[in-house]
């Protein structure tokens, strides 16, 4: 399973709708993610560039892309981004692989 950091900003109309009729966005997100075979670990509302930040676990990138597309297709998202996360063990394995590959990379010359 992979981990993803998903961040989104609502459109002004979506914010107006949430203020007029508050709704449980965590429950809605959980239902969507679980329907795709994933798990919502956390959903936070945030100050700043993004309105919502989620930590999601899923079987593959296709699951995460499908979820992000479904949310975007709703028309309530002004912008979003997805960052694939690595566990420390995965990062260590990548570091080891990079160490082995160092000799095969030739940087551009001036």
PDB file of N, CA and C in Angstrom:
ATOM      1  N   UNK A   1       0.851  -1.188   0.000  1.00  0.00           N
ATOM      2  CA  UNK A   1       0.000   0.000   0.000  1.00  0.00           C
ATOM      3  C   UNK A   1       0.893   1.247   0.000  1.00  0.00           C
ATOM      4  N   UNK A   2       0.435   2.257  -0.689  1.00  0.00           N
ATOM      5  CA  UNK A   2       1.159   3.522  -0.771  1.00  0.00           C
ATOM      6  C   UNK A   2       0.428   4.584   0.047  1.00  0.00           C
ATOM      7  N   UNK A   3       1.175   5.608   0.447  1.00  0.00           N
ATOM      8  CA  UNK A   3       0.612   6.732   1.179  1.00  0.00           C
ATOM      9  C   UNK A   3       0.660   7.976   0.306  1.00  0.00           C
ATOM     10  N   UNK A   4      -0.366   8.820   0.453  1.00  0.00           N
ATOM     11  CA  UNK A   4      -0.476  10.036  -0.345  1.00  0.00           C
ATOM     12  C   UNK A   4      -0.903  11.198   0.557  1.00  0.00           C
ATOM     13  N   UNK A   5      -0.326  12.360   0.281  1.00  0.00           N
ATOM     14  CA  UNK A   5      -0.761  13.609   0.883  1.00  0.00           C
ATOM     15  C   UNK A   5      -1.578  14.316  -0.186  1.00  0.00           C
ATOM     16  N   UNK A   6      -2.865  14.514   0.061  1.00  0.00           N
ATOM     17  CA  UNK A   6      -3.760  15.149  -0.900  1.00  0.00           C
ATOM     18  C   UNK A   6      -4.216  16.472  -0.305  1.00  0.00           C
ATOM     19  N   UNK A   7      -4.021  17.540  -1.073  1.00  0.00           N
ATOM     20  CA  UNK A   7      -4.377  18.871  -0.608  1.00  0.00           C
ATOM     21  C   UNK A   7      -5.312  19.515  -1.620  1.00  0.00           C
ATOM     22  N   UNK A   8      -6.324  20.221  -1.127  1.00  0.00           N
ATOM     23  CA  UNK A   8      -7.238  20.881  -2.061  1.00  0.00           C
ATOM     24  C   UNK A   8      -7.685  22.225  -1.518  1.00  0.00           C
ATOM     25  N   UNK A   9      -8.040  23.071  -2.473  1.00  0.00           N
ATOM     26  CA  UNK A   9      -8.628  24.372  -2.169  1.00  0.00           C
ATOM     27  C   UNK A   9      -9.996  24.412  -2.824  1.00  0.00           C
ATOM     28  N   UNK A  10     -10.989  24.836  -2.061  1.00  0.00           N
ATOM     29  CA  UNK A  10     -12.352  24.911  -2.583  1.00  0.00           C
ATOM     30  C   UNK A  10     -12.548  26.155  -3.446  1.00  0.00           C
ATOM     31  N   UNK A  11     -13.518  26.085  -4.330  1.00  0.00           N
ATOM     32  CA  UNK A  11     -13.951  27.275  -5.067  1.00  0.00           C
ATOM     33  C   UNK A  11     -14.715  28.170  -4.100  1.00  0.00           C
ATOM     34  N   UNK A  12     -14.835  29.470  -4.415  1.00  0.00           N
ATOM     35  CA  UNK A  12     -15.641  30.343  -3.560  1.00  0.00           C
ATOM     36  C   UNK A  12     -17.085  29.844  -3.408  1.00  0.00           C
ATOM     37  N   UNK A  13     -17.665  29.309  -4.470  1.00  0.00           N
ATOM     38  CA  UNK A  13     -19.041  28.793  -4.383  1.00  0.00           C
ATOM     39  C   UNK A  13     -19.128  27.603  -3.427  1.00  0.00           C
ATOM     40  N   UNK A  14     -18.098  26.755  -3.424  1.00  0.00           N
ATOM     41  CA  UNK A  14     -18.099  25.607  -2.508  1.00  0.00           C
ATOM     42  C   UNK A  14     -18.021  26.077  -1.060  1.00  0.00           C
ATOM     43  N   UNK A  15     -17.202  27.093  -0.805  1.00  0.00           N
ATOM     44  CA  UNK A  15     -17.095  27.629   0.558  1.00  0.00           C
ATOM     45  C   UNK A  15     -18.434  28.230   0.983  1.00  0.00           C
ATOM     46  N   UNK A  16     -19.078  28.959   0.085  1.00  0.00           N
ATOM     47  CA  UNK A  16     -20.405  29.521   0.390  1.00  0.00           C
ATOM     48  C   UNK A  16     -21.383  28.408   0.741  1.00  0.00           C
ATOM     49  N   UNK A  17     -21.360  27.325  -0.011  1.00  0.00           N
ATOM     50  CA  UNK A  17     -22.270  26.207   0.248  1.00  0.00           C
ATOM     51  C   UNK A  17     -21.972  25.558   1.593  1.00  0.00           C
ATOM     52  N   UNK A  18     -20.691  25.408   1.935  1.00  0.00           N
ATOM     53  CA  UNK A  18     -20.327  24.812   3.233  1.00  0.00           C
ATOM     54  C   UNK A  18     -20.750  25.692   4.400  1.00  0.00           C
ATOM     55  N   UNK A  19     -20.653  27.005   4.221  1.00  0.00           N
ATOM     56  CA  UNK A  19     -21.066  27.927   5.281  1.00  0.00           C
ATOM     57  C   UNK A  19     -22.585  27.922   5.423  1.00  0.00           C
ATOM     58  N   UNK A  20     -23.285  27.907   4.286  1.00  0.00           N
ATOM     59  CA  UNK A  20     -24.756  27.917   4.308  1.00  0.00           C
ATOM     60  C   UNK A  20     -25.315  26.613   4.855  1.00  0.00           C
ATOM     61  N   UNK A  21     -24.691  25.505   4.478  1.00  0.00           N
ATOM     62  CA  UNK A  21     -25.159  24.184   4.901  1.00  0.00           C
ATOM     63  C   UNK A  21     -23.943  23.319   5.234  1.00  0.00           C
ATOM     64  N   UNK A  22     -23.449  23.427   6.474  1.00  0.00           N
ATOM     65  CA  UNK A  22     -22.272  22.625   6.839  1.00  0.00           C
ATOM     66  C   UNK A  22     -22.519  21.134   6.617  1.00  0.00           C
ATOM     67  N   UNK A  23     -21.482  20.468   6.088  1.00  0.00           N
ATOM     68  CA  UNK A  23     -21.602  19.031   5.869  1.00  0.00           C
ATOM     69  C   UNK A  23     -20.293  18.349   6.255  1.00  0.00           C
ATOM     70  N   UNK A  24     -20.406  17.089   6.600  1.00  0.00           N
ATOM     71  CA  UNK A  24     -19.258  16.314   7.070  1.00  0.00           C
ATOM     72  C   UNK A  24     -18.426  15.868   5.871  1.00  0.00           C
ATOM     73  N   UNK A  25     -17.410  16.634   5.529  1.00  0.00           N
ATOM     74  CA  UNK A  25     -16.580  16.313   4.374  1.00  0.00           C
ATOM     75  C   UNK A  25     -15.694  15.098   4.635  1.00  0.00           C
ATOM     76  N   UNK A  26     -15.376  14.830   5.893  1.00  0.00           N
ATOM     77  CA  UNK A  26     -14.582  13.642   6.202  1.00  0.00           C
ATOM     78  C   UNK A  26     -15.355  12.377   5.848  1.00  0.00           C
ATOM     79  N   UNK A  27     -16.623  12.334   6.194  1.00  0.00           N
ATOM     80  CA  UNK A  27     -17.444  11.159   5.869  1.00  0.00           C
ATOM     81  C   UNK A  27     -17.557  10.983   4.361  1.00  0.00           C
ATOM     82  N   UNK A  28     -17.732  12.083   3.640  1.00  0.00           N
ATOM     83  CA  UNK A  28     -17.835  12.011   2.183  1.00  0.00           C
ATOM     84  C   UNK A  28     -16.523  11.526   1.567  1.00  0.00           C
ATOM     85  N   UNK A  29     -15.401  12.047   2.060  1.00  0.00           N
ATOM     86  CA  UNK A  29     -14.090  11.632   1.548  1.00  0.00           C
ATOM     87  C   UNK A  29     -13.821  10.166   1.863  1.00  0.00           C
ATOM     88  N   UNK A  30     -14.140   9.761   3.077  1.00  0.00           N
ATOM     89  CA  UNK A  30     -13.922   8.367   3.487  1.00  0.00           C
ATOM     90  C   UNK A  30     -14.708   7.407   2.581  1.00  0.00           C
ATOM     91  N   UNK A  31     -15.964   7.757   2.302  1.00  0.00           N
ATOM     92  CA  UNK A  31     -16.802   6.903   1.453  1.00  0.00           C
ATOM     93  C   UNK A  31     -16.191   6.765   0.060  1.00  0.00           C
ATOM     94  N   UNK A  32     -15.727   7.888  -0.514  1.00  0.00           N
ATOM     95  CA  UNK A  32     -15.123   7.854  -1.837  1.00  0.00           C
ATOM     96  C   UNK A  32     -13.856   7.002  -1.836  1.00  0.00           C
ATOM     97  N   UNK A  33     -12.973   7.253  -0.896  1.00  0.00           N
ATOM     98  CA  UNK A  33     -11.685   6.548  -0.857  1.00  0.00           C
ATOM     99  C   UNK A  33     -11.881   5.056  -0.623  1.00  0.00           C
ATOM    100  N   UNK A  34     -12.773   4.706   0.282  1.00  0.00           N
ATOM    101  CA  UNK A  34     -13.031   3.283   0.538  1.00  0.00           C
ATOM    102  C   UNK A  34     -13.657   2.603  -0.677  1.00  0.00           C
ATOM    103  N   UNK A  35     -14.478   3.328  -1.445  1.00  0.00           N
ATOM    104  CA  UNK A  35     -15.079   2.733  -2.647  1.00  0.00           C
ATOM    105  C   UNK A  35     -14.027   2.391  -3.692  1.00  0.00           C
ATOM    106  N   UNK A  36     -12.873   3.036  -3.593  1.00  0.00           N
ATOM    107  CA  UNK A  36     -11.770   2.796  -4.523  1.00  0.00           C
ATOM    108  C   UNK A  36     -10.733   1.827  -3.958  1.00  0.00           C
ATOM    109  N   UNK A  37     -10.984   1.312  -2.750  1.00  0.00           N
ATOM    110  CA  UNK A  37     -10.062   0.353  -2.141  1.00  0.00           C
ATOM    111  C   UNK A  37      -8.992   0.979  -1.272  1.00  0.00           C
ATOM    112  N   UNK A  38      -9.155   2.254  -0.925  1.00  0.00           N
ATOM    113  CA  UNK A  38      -8.180   2.944  -0.097  1.00  0.00           C
ATOM    114  C   UNK A  38      -8.671   3.182   1.316  1.00  0.00           C
ATOM    115  N   UNK A  39      -7.853   3.887   2.085  1.00  0.00           N
ATOM    116  CA  UNK A  39      -8.196   4.204   3.474  1.00  0.00           C
ATOM    117  C   UNK A  39      -7.833   5.655   3.756  1.00  0.00           C
ATOM    118  N   UNK A  40      -8.780   6.406   4.302  1.00  0.00           N
ATOM    119  CA  UNK A  40      -8.531   7.773   4.739  1.00  0.00           C
ATOM    120  C   UNK A  40      -8.034   7.727   6.174  1.00  0.00           C
ATOM    121  N   UNK A  41      -6.786   8.103   6.385  1.00  0.00           N
ATOM    122  CA  UNK A  41      -6.230   8.113   7.736  1.00  0.00           C
ATOM    123  C   UNK A  41      -6.588   9.400   8.474  1.00  0.00           C
ATOM    124  N   UNK A  42      -6.481  10.525   7.774  1.00  0.00           N
ATOM    125  CA  UNK A  42      -6.788  11.816   8.402  1.00  0.00           C
ATOM    126  C   UNK A  42      -7.308  12.783   7.353  1.00  0.00           C
ATOM    127  N   UNK A  43      -8.204  13.650   7.764  1.00  0.00           N
ATOM    128  CA  UNK A  43      -8.646  14.782   6.970  1.00  0.00           C
ATOM    129  C   UNK A  43      -8.649  15.980   7.898  1.00  0.00           C
ATOM    130  N   UNK A  44      -7.935  17.008   7.494  1.00  0.00           N
ATOM    131  CA  UNK A  44      -7.851  18.233   8.285  1.00  0.00           C
ATOM    132  C   UNK A  44      -8.298  19.419   7.445  1.00  0.00           C
ATOM    133  N   UNK A  45      -9.040  20.334   8.048  1.00  0.00           N
ATOM    134  CA  UNK A  45      -9.254  21.635   7.440  1.00  0.00           C
ATOM    135  C   UNK A  45      -8.065  22.490   7.866  1.00  0.00           C
ATOM    136  N   UNK A  46      -7.634  23.397   6.987  1.00  0.00           N
ATOM    137  CA  UNK A  46      -6.396  24.111   7.244  1.00  0.00           C
ATOM    138  C   UNK A  46      -6.526  25.592   6.894  1.00  0.00           C
ATOM    139  N   UNK A  47      -5.648  26.374   7.479  1.00  0.00           N
ATOM    140  CA  UNK A  47      -5.500  27.779   7.121  1.00  0.00           C
ATOM    141  C   UNK A  47      -4.406  27.855   6.064  1.00  0.00           C
ATOM    142  N   UNK A  48      -4.472  28.827   5.191  1.00  0.00           N
ATOM    143  CA  UNK A  48      -3.389  29.012   4.237  1.00  0.00           C
ATOM    144  C   UNK A  48      -3.792  28.662   2.824  1.00  0.00           C
ATOM    145  N   UNK A  49      -2.832  28.176   2.061  1.00  0.00           N
ATOM    146  CA  UNK A  49      -3.031  27.911   0.636  1.00  0.00           C
ATOM    147  C   UNK A  49      -4.092  26.846   0.387  1.00  0.00           C
ATOM    148  N   UNK A  50      -4.176  25.835   1.240  1.00  0.00           N
ATOM    149  CA  UNK A  50      -5.111  24.726   1.045  1.00  0.00           C
ATOM    150  C   UNK A  50      -6.183  24.746   2.125  1.00  0.00           C
ATOM    151  N   UNK A  51      -7.386  24.396   1.725  1.00  0.00           N
ATOM    152  CA  UNK A  51      -8.503  24.335   2.669  1.00  0.00           C
ATOM    153  C   UNK A  51      -8.581  22.994   3.375  1.00  0.00           C
ATOM    154  N   UNK A  52      -8.166  21.934   2.688  1.00  0.00           N
ATOM    155  CA  UNK A  52      -8.256  20.574   3.220  1.00  0.00           C
ATOM    156  C   UNK A  52      -6.955  19.837   2.924  1.00  0.00           C
ATOM    157  N   UNK A  53      -6.485  19.083   3.906  1.00  0.00           N
ATOM    158  CA  UNK A  53      -5.291  18.251   3.748  1.00  0.00           C
ATOM    159  C   UNK A  53      -5.638  16.853   4.244  1.00  0.00           C
ATOM    160  N   UNK A  54      -5.357  15.838   3.407  1.00  0.00           N
ATOM    161  CA  UNK A  54      -5.698  14.457   3.745  1.00  0.00           C
ATOM    162  C   UNK A  54      -4.461  13.561   3.694  1.00  0.00           C
ATOM    163  N   UNK A  55      -4.440  12.582   4.564  1.00  0.00           N
ATOM    164  CA  UNK A  55      -3.463  11.500   4.489  1.00  0.00           C
ATOM    165  C   UNK A  55      -4.239  10.254   4.090  1.00  0.00           C
ATOM    166  N   UNK A  56      -3.891   9.716   2.922  1.00  0.00           N
ATOM    167  CA  UNK A  56      -4.634   8.611   2.321  1.00  0.00           C
ATOM    168  C   UNK A  56      -3.685   7.450   2.064  1.00  0.00           C
ATOM    169  N   UNK A  57      -4.173   6.247   2.295  1.00  0.00           N
ATOM    170  CA  UNK A  57      -3.420   5.038   1.969  1.00  0.00           C
ATOM    171  C   UNK A  57      -4.199   4.270   0.915  1.00  0.00           C
ATOM    172  N   UNK A  58      -3.501   3.783  -0.090  1.00  0.00           N
ATOM    173  CA  UNK A  58      -4.190   3.055  -1.143  1.00  0.00           C
ATOM    174  C   UNK A  58      -3.303   2.049  -1.832  1.00  0.00           C
ATOM    175  N   UNK A  59      -3.918   1.185  -2.633  1.00  0.00           N
ATOM    176  CA  UNK A  59      -3.177   0.107  -3.270  1.00  0.00           C
ATOM    177  C   UNK A  59      -2.220   0.559  -4.366  1.00  0.00           C
ATOM    178  N   UNK A  60      -2.532   1.690  -5.035  1.00  0.00           N
ATOM    179  CA  UNK A  60      -1.679   2.114  -6.137  1.00  0.00           C
ATOM    180  C   UNK A  60      -2.015   3.543  -6.563  1.00  0.00           C
ATOM    181  N   UNK A  61      -1.202   4.061  -7.483  1.00  0.00           N
ATOM    182  CA  UNK A  61      -1.397   5.426  -7.966  1.00  0.00           C
ATOM    183  C   UNK A  61      -2.715   5.591  -8.711  1.00  0.00           C
ATOM    184  N   UNK A  62      -3.170   4.546  -9.364  1.00  0.00           N
ATOM    185  CA  UNK A  62      -4.440   4.612 -10.100  1.00  0.00           C
ATOM    186  C   UNK A  62      -5.591   4.921  -9.144  1.00  0.00           C
ATOM    187  N   UNK A  63      -5.597   4.302  -7.967  1.00  0.00           N
ATOM    188  CA  UNK A  63      -6.637   4.575  -6.977  1.00  0.00           C
ATOM    189  C   UNK A  63      -6.626   6.045  -6.588  1.00  0.00           C
ATOM    190  N   UNK A  64      -5.424   6.575  -6.327  1.00  0.00           N
ATOM    191  CA  UNK A  64      -5.331   7.968  -5.890  1.00  0.00           C
ATOM    192  C   UNK A  64      -5.732   8.918  -7.010  1.00  0.00           C
ATOM    193  N   UNK A  65      -5.299   8.625  -8.224  1.00  0.00           N
ATOM    194  CA  UNK A  65      -5.675   9.470  -9.358  1.00  0.00           C
ATOM    195  C   UNK A  65      -7.186   9.452  -9.573  1.00  0.00           C
ATOM    196  N   UNK A  66      -7.793   8.295  -9.449  1.00  0.00           N
ATOM    197  CA  UNK A  66      -9.246   8.188  -9.616  1.00  0.00           C
ATOM    198  C   UNK A  66      -9.975   9.012  -8.566  1.00  0.00           C
ATOM    199  N   UNK A  67      -9.515   8.948  -7.335  1.00  0.00           N
ATOM    200  CA  UNK A  67     -10.137   9.736  -6.276  1.00  0.00           C
ATOM    201  C   UNK A  67     -10.000  11.226  -6.519  1.00  0.00           C
ATOM    202  N   UNK A  68      -8.799  11.658  -6.894  1.00  0.00           N
ATOM    203  CA  UNK A  68      -8.572  13.079  -7.157  1.00  0.00           C
ATOM    204  C   UNK A  68      -9.419  13.550  -8.342  1.00  0.00           C
ATOM    205  N   UNK A  69      -9.541  12.718  -9.363  1.00  0.00           N
ATOM    206  CA  UNK A  69     -10.365  13.079 -10.523  1.00  0.00           C
ATOM    207  C   UNK A  69     -11.839  13.172 -10.155  1.00  0.00           C
ATOM    208  N   UNK A  70     -12.301  12.245  -9.324  1.00  0.00           N
ATOM    209  CA  UNK A  70     -13.708  12.270  -8.912  1.00  0.00           C
ATOM    210  C   UNK A  70     -14.021  13.543  -8.133  1.00  0.00           C
ATOM    211  N   UNK A  71     -13.110  13.941  -7.252  1.00  0.00           N
ATOM    212  CA  UNK A  71     -13.315  15.175  -6.477  1.00  0.00           C
ATOM    213  C   UNK A  71     -13.280  16.383  -7.412  1.00  0.00           C
ATOM    214  N   UNK A  72     -12.305  16.418  -8.325  1.00  0.00           N
ATOM    215  CA  UNK A  72     -12.200  17.542  -9.255  1.00  0.00           C
ATOM    216  C   UNK A  72     -13.431  17.637 -10.159  1.00  0.00           C
ATOM    217  N   UNK A  73     -13.965  16.481 -10.559  1.00  0.00           N
ATOM    218  CA  UNK A  73     -15.134  16.462 -11.444  1.00  0.00           C
ATOM    219  C   UNK A  73     -16.376  17.044 -10.780  1.00  0.00           C
ATOM    220  N   UNK A  74     -16.366  17.136  -9.450  1.00  0.00           N
ATOM    221  CA  UNK A  74     -17.522  17.702  -8.747  1.00  0.00           C
ATOM    222  C   UNK A  74     -17.670  19.195  -9.002  1.00  0.00           C
ATOM    223  N   UNK A  75     -16.574  19.841  -9.440  1.00  0.00           N
ATOM    224  CA  UNK A  75     -16.627  21.270  -9.714  1.00  0.00           C
ATOM    225  C   UNK A  75     -16.465  22.145  -8.485  1.00  0.00           C
ATOM    226  N   UNK A  76     -16.175  21.555  -7.340  1.00  0.00           N
ATOM    227  CA  UNK A  76     -16.053  22.328  -6.100  1.00  0.00           C
ATOM    228  C   UNK A  76     -14.612  22.632  -5.715  1.00  0.00           C
ATOM    229  N   UNK A  77     -13.668  22.171  -6.530  1.00  0.00           N
ATOM    230  CA  UNK A  77     -12.255  22.320  -6.195  1.00  0.00           C
ATOM    231  C   UNK A  77     -11.604  23.337  -7.126  1.00  0.00           C
ATOM    232  N   UNK A  78     -10.975  24.354  -6.538  1.00  0.00           N
ATOM    233  CA  UNK A  78     -10.264  25.353  -7.328  1.00  0.00           C
ATOM    234  C   UNK A  78      -8.888  24.835  -7.725  1.00  0.00           C
ATOM    235  N   UNK A  79      -8.244  24.106  -6.819  1.00  0.00           N
ATOM    236  CA  UNK A  79      -6.937  23.515  -7.113  1.00  0.00           C
ATOM    237  C   UNK A  79      -6.692  22.369  -6.147  1.00  0.00           C
ATOM    238  N   UNK A  80      -5.819  21.458  -6.561  1.00  0.00           N
ATOM    239  CA  UNK A  80      -5.454  20.352  -5.684  1.00  0.00           C
ATOM    240  C   UNK A  80      -4.066  19.864  -6.062  1.00  0.00           C
ATOM    241  N   UNK A  81      -3.465  19.122  -5.154  1.00  0.00           N
ATOM    242  CA  UNK A  81      -2.172  18.500  -5.439  1.00  0.00           C
ATOM    243  C   UNK A  81      -2.090  17.197  -4.658  1.00  0.00           C
ATOM    244  N   UNK A  82      -1.351  16.276  -5.232  1.00  0.00           N
ATOM    245  CA  UNK A  82      -1.133  14.980  -4.602  1.00  0.00           C
ATOM    246  C   UNK A  82       0.360  14.737  -4.514  1.00  0.00           C
ATOM    247  N   UNK A  83       0.820  14.342  -3.346  1.00  0.00           N
ATOM    248  CA  UNK A  83       2.224  14.007  -3.137  1.00  0.00           C
ATOM    249  C   UNK A  83       2.281  12.557  -2.685  1.00  0.00           C
ATOM    250  N   UNK A  84       3.020  11.742  -3.428  1.00  0.00           N
ATOM    251  CA  UNK A  84       3.199  10.355  -3.013  1.00  0.00           C
ATOM    252  C   UNK A  84       4.259  10.338  -1.919  1.00  0.00           C
ATOM    253  N   UNK A  85       3.948   9.683  -0.826  1.00  0.00           N
ATOM    254  CA  UNK A  85       4.836   9.642   0.326  1.00  0.00           C
ATOM    255  C   UNK A  85       5.557   8.304   0.401  1.00  0.00           C
ATOM    256  N   UNK A  86       6.719   8.315   1.045  1.00  0.00           N
ATOM    257  CA  UNK A  86       7.496   7.092   1.239  1.00  0.00           C
ATOM    258  C   UNK A  86       7.711   6.872   2.726  1.00  0.00           C
ATOM    259  N   UNK A  87       7.661   5.628   3.133  1.00  0.00           N
ATOM    260  CA  UNK A  87       8.010   5.296   4.517  1.00  0.00           C
ATOM    261  C   UNK A  87       9.522   5.417   4.660  1.00  0.00           C
ATOM    262  N   UNK A  88      10.036   5.498   5.883  1.00  0.00           N
ATOM    263  CA  UNK A  88      11.493   5.522   6.053  1.00  0.00           C
ATOM    264  C   UNK A  88      12.174   4.301   5.430  1.00  0.00           C
ATOM    265  N   UNK A  89      11.565   3.134   5.527  1.00  0.00           N
ATOM    266  CA  UNK A  89      12.150   1.925   4.942  1.00  0.00           C
ATOM    267  C   UNK A  89      12.218   2.040   3.418  1.00  0.00           C
ATOM    268  N   UNK A  90      11.158   2.580   2.797  1.00  0.00           N
ATOM    269  CA  UNK A  90      11.171   2.773   1.346  1.00  0.00           C
ATOM    270  C   UNK A  90      12.236   3.790   0.939  1.00  0.00           C
ATOM    271  N   UNK A  91      12.373   4.854   1.728  1.00  0.00           N
ATOM    272  CA  UNK A  91      13.389   5.864   1.438  1.00  0.00           C
ATOM    273  C   UNK A  91      14.794   5.276   1.559  1.00  0.00           C
ATOM    274  N   UNK A  92      15.021   4.443   2.576  1.00  0.00           N
ATOM    275  CA  UNK A  92      16.330   3.798   2.743  1.00  0.00           C
ATOM    276  C   UNK A  92      16.639   2.906   1.544  1.00  0.00           C
ATOM    277  N   UNK A  93      15.663   2.153   1.078  1.00  0.00           N
ATOM    278  CA  UNK A  93      15.864   1.298  -0.090  1.00  0.00           C
ATOM    279  C   UNK A  93      16.198   2.148  -1.318  1.00  0.00           C
ATOM    280  N   UNK A  94      15.543   3.290  -1.469  1.00  0.00           N
ATOM    281  CA  UNK A  94      15.833   4.193  -2.585  1.00  0.00           C
ATOM    282  C   UNK A  94      17.243   4.752  -2.467  1.00  0.00           C
ATOM    283  N   UNK A  95      17.655   5.097  -1.249  1.00  0.00           N
ATOM    284  CA  UNK A  95      19.012   5.608  -1.027  1.00  0.00           C
ATOM    285  C   UNK A  95      20.054   4.561  -1.404  1.00  0.00           C
ATOM    286  N   UNK A  96      19.798   3.327  -1.012  1.00  0.00           N
ATOM    287  CA  UNK A  96      20.719   2.243  -1.343  1.00  0.00           C
ATOM    288  C   UNK A  96      20.793   2.032  -2.853  1.00  0.00           C
ATOM    289  N   UNK A  97      19.654   2.048  -3.526  1.00  0.00           N
ATOM    290  CA  UNK A  97      19.623   1.889  -4.975  1.00  0.00           C
ATOM    291  C   UNK A  97      20.351   3.051  -5.657  1.00  0.00           C
ATOM    292  N   UNK A  98      20.164   4.259  -5.139  1.00  0.00           N
ATOM    293  CA  UNK A  98      20.848   5.425  -5.705  1.00  0.00           C
ATOM    294  C   UNK A  98      22.361   5.292  -5.540  1.00  0.00           C
ATOM    295  N   UNK A  99      22.788   4.797  -4.395  1.00  0.00           N
ATOM    296  CA  UNK A  99      24.211   4.590  -4.163  1.00  0.00           C
ATOM    297  C   UNK A  99      24.818   3.627  -5.162  1.00  0.00           C
ATOM    298  N   UNK A 100      24.080   2.585  -5.493  1.00  0.00           N
ATOM    299  CA  UNK A 100      24.557   1.600  -6.467  1.00  0.00           C
ATOM    300  C   UNK A 100      24.565   2.178  -7.883  1.00  0.00           C
ATOM    301  N   UNK A 101      23.653   3.090  -8.168  1.00  0.00           N
ATOM    302  CA  UNK A 101      23.527   3.646  -9.522  1.00  0.00           C
ATOM    303  C   UNK A 101      24.437   4.847  -9.763  1.00  0.00           C
ATOM    304  N   UNK A 102      25.047   5.379  -8.716  1.00  0.00           N
ATOM    305  CA  UNK A 102      25.850   6.602  -8.857  1.00  0.00           C
ATOM    306  C   UNK A 102      26.872   6.532  -9.979  1.00  0.00           C
ATOM    307  N   UNK A 103      27.581   5.445 -10.103  1.00  0.00           N
ATOM    308  CA  UNK A 103      28.622   5.324 -11.115  1.00  0.00           C
ATOM    309  C   UNK A 103      28.098   5.308 -12.527  1.00  0.00           C
ATOM    310  N   UNK A 104      26.826   5.016 -12.726  1.00  0.00           N
ATOM    311  CA  UNK A 104      26.282   4.931 -14.090  1.00  0.00           C
ATOM    312  C   UNK A 104      25.727   6.255 -14.582  1.00  0.00           C
ATOM    313  N   UNK A 105      25.684   7.263 -13.719  1.00  0.00           N
ATOM    314  CA  UNK A 105      25.138   8.580 -14.121  1.00  0.00           C
ATOM    315  C   UNK A 105      26.283   9.509 -14.487  1.00  0.00           C
ATOM    316  N   UNK A 106      26.180  10.113 -15.661  1.00  0.00           N
ATOM    317  CA  UNK A 106      27.179  11.095 -16.094  1.00  0.00           C
ATOM    318  C   UNK A 106      26.483  12.454 -16.163  1.00  0.00           C
ATOM    319  N   UNK A 107      26.900  13.390 -15.311  1.00  0.00           N
ATOM    320  CA  UNK A 107      26.259  14.709 -15.326  1.00  0.00           C
ATOM    321  C   UNK A 107      26.623  15.490 -16.591  1.00  0.00           C
ATOM    322  N   UNK A 108      25.817  16.489 -16.936  1.00  0.00           N
ATOM    323  CA  UNK A 108      26.147  17.295 -18.116  1.00  0.00           C
ATOM    324  C   UNK A 108      27.465  18.042 -17.874  1.00  0.00           C
ATOM    325  N   UNK A 109      28.227  18.189 -18.928  1.00  0.00           N
ATOM    326  CA  UNK A 109      29.522  18.873 -18.834  1.00  0.00           C
ATOM    327  C   UNK A 109      29.384  20.276 -19.398  1.00  0.00           C
ATOM    328  N   UNK A 110      30.185  21.158 -18.830  1.00  0.00           N
ATOM    329  CA  UNK A 110      30.197  22.534 -19.323  1.00  0.00           C
ATOM    330  C   UNK A 110      31.154  22.675 -20.471  1.00  0.00           C
TER     331      UNK A 110
END
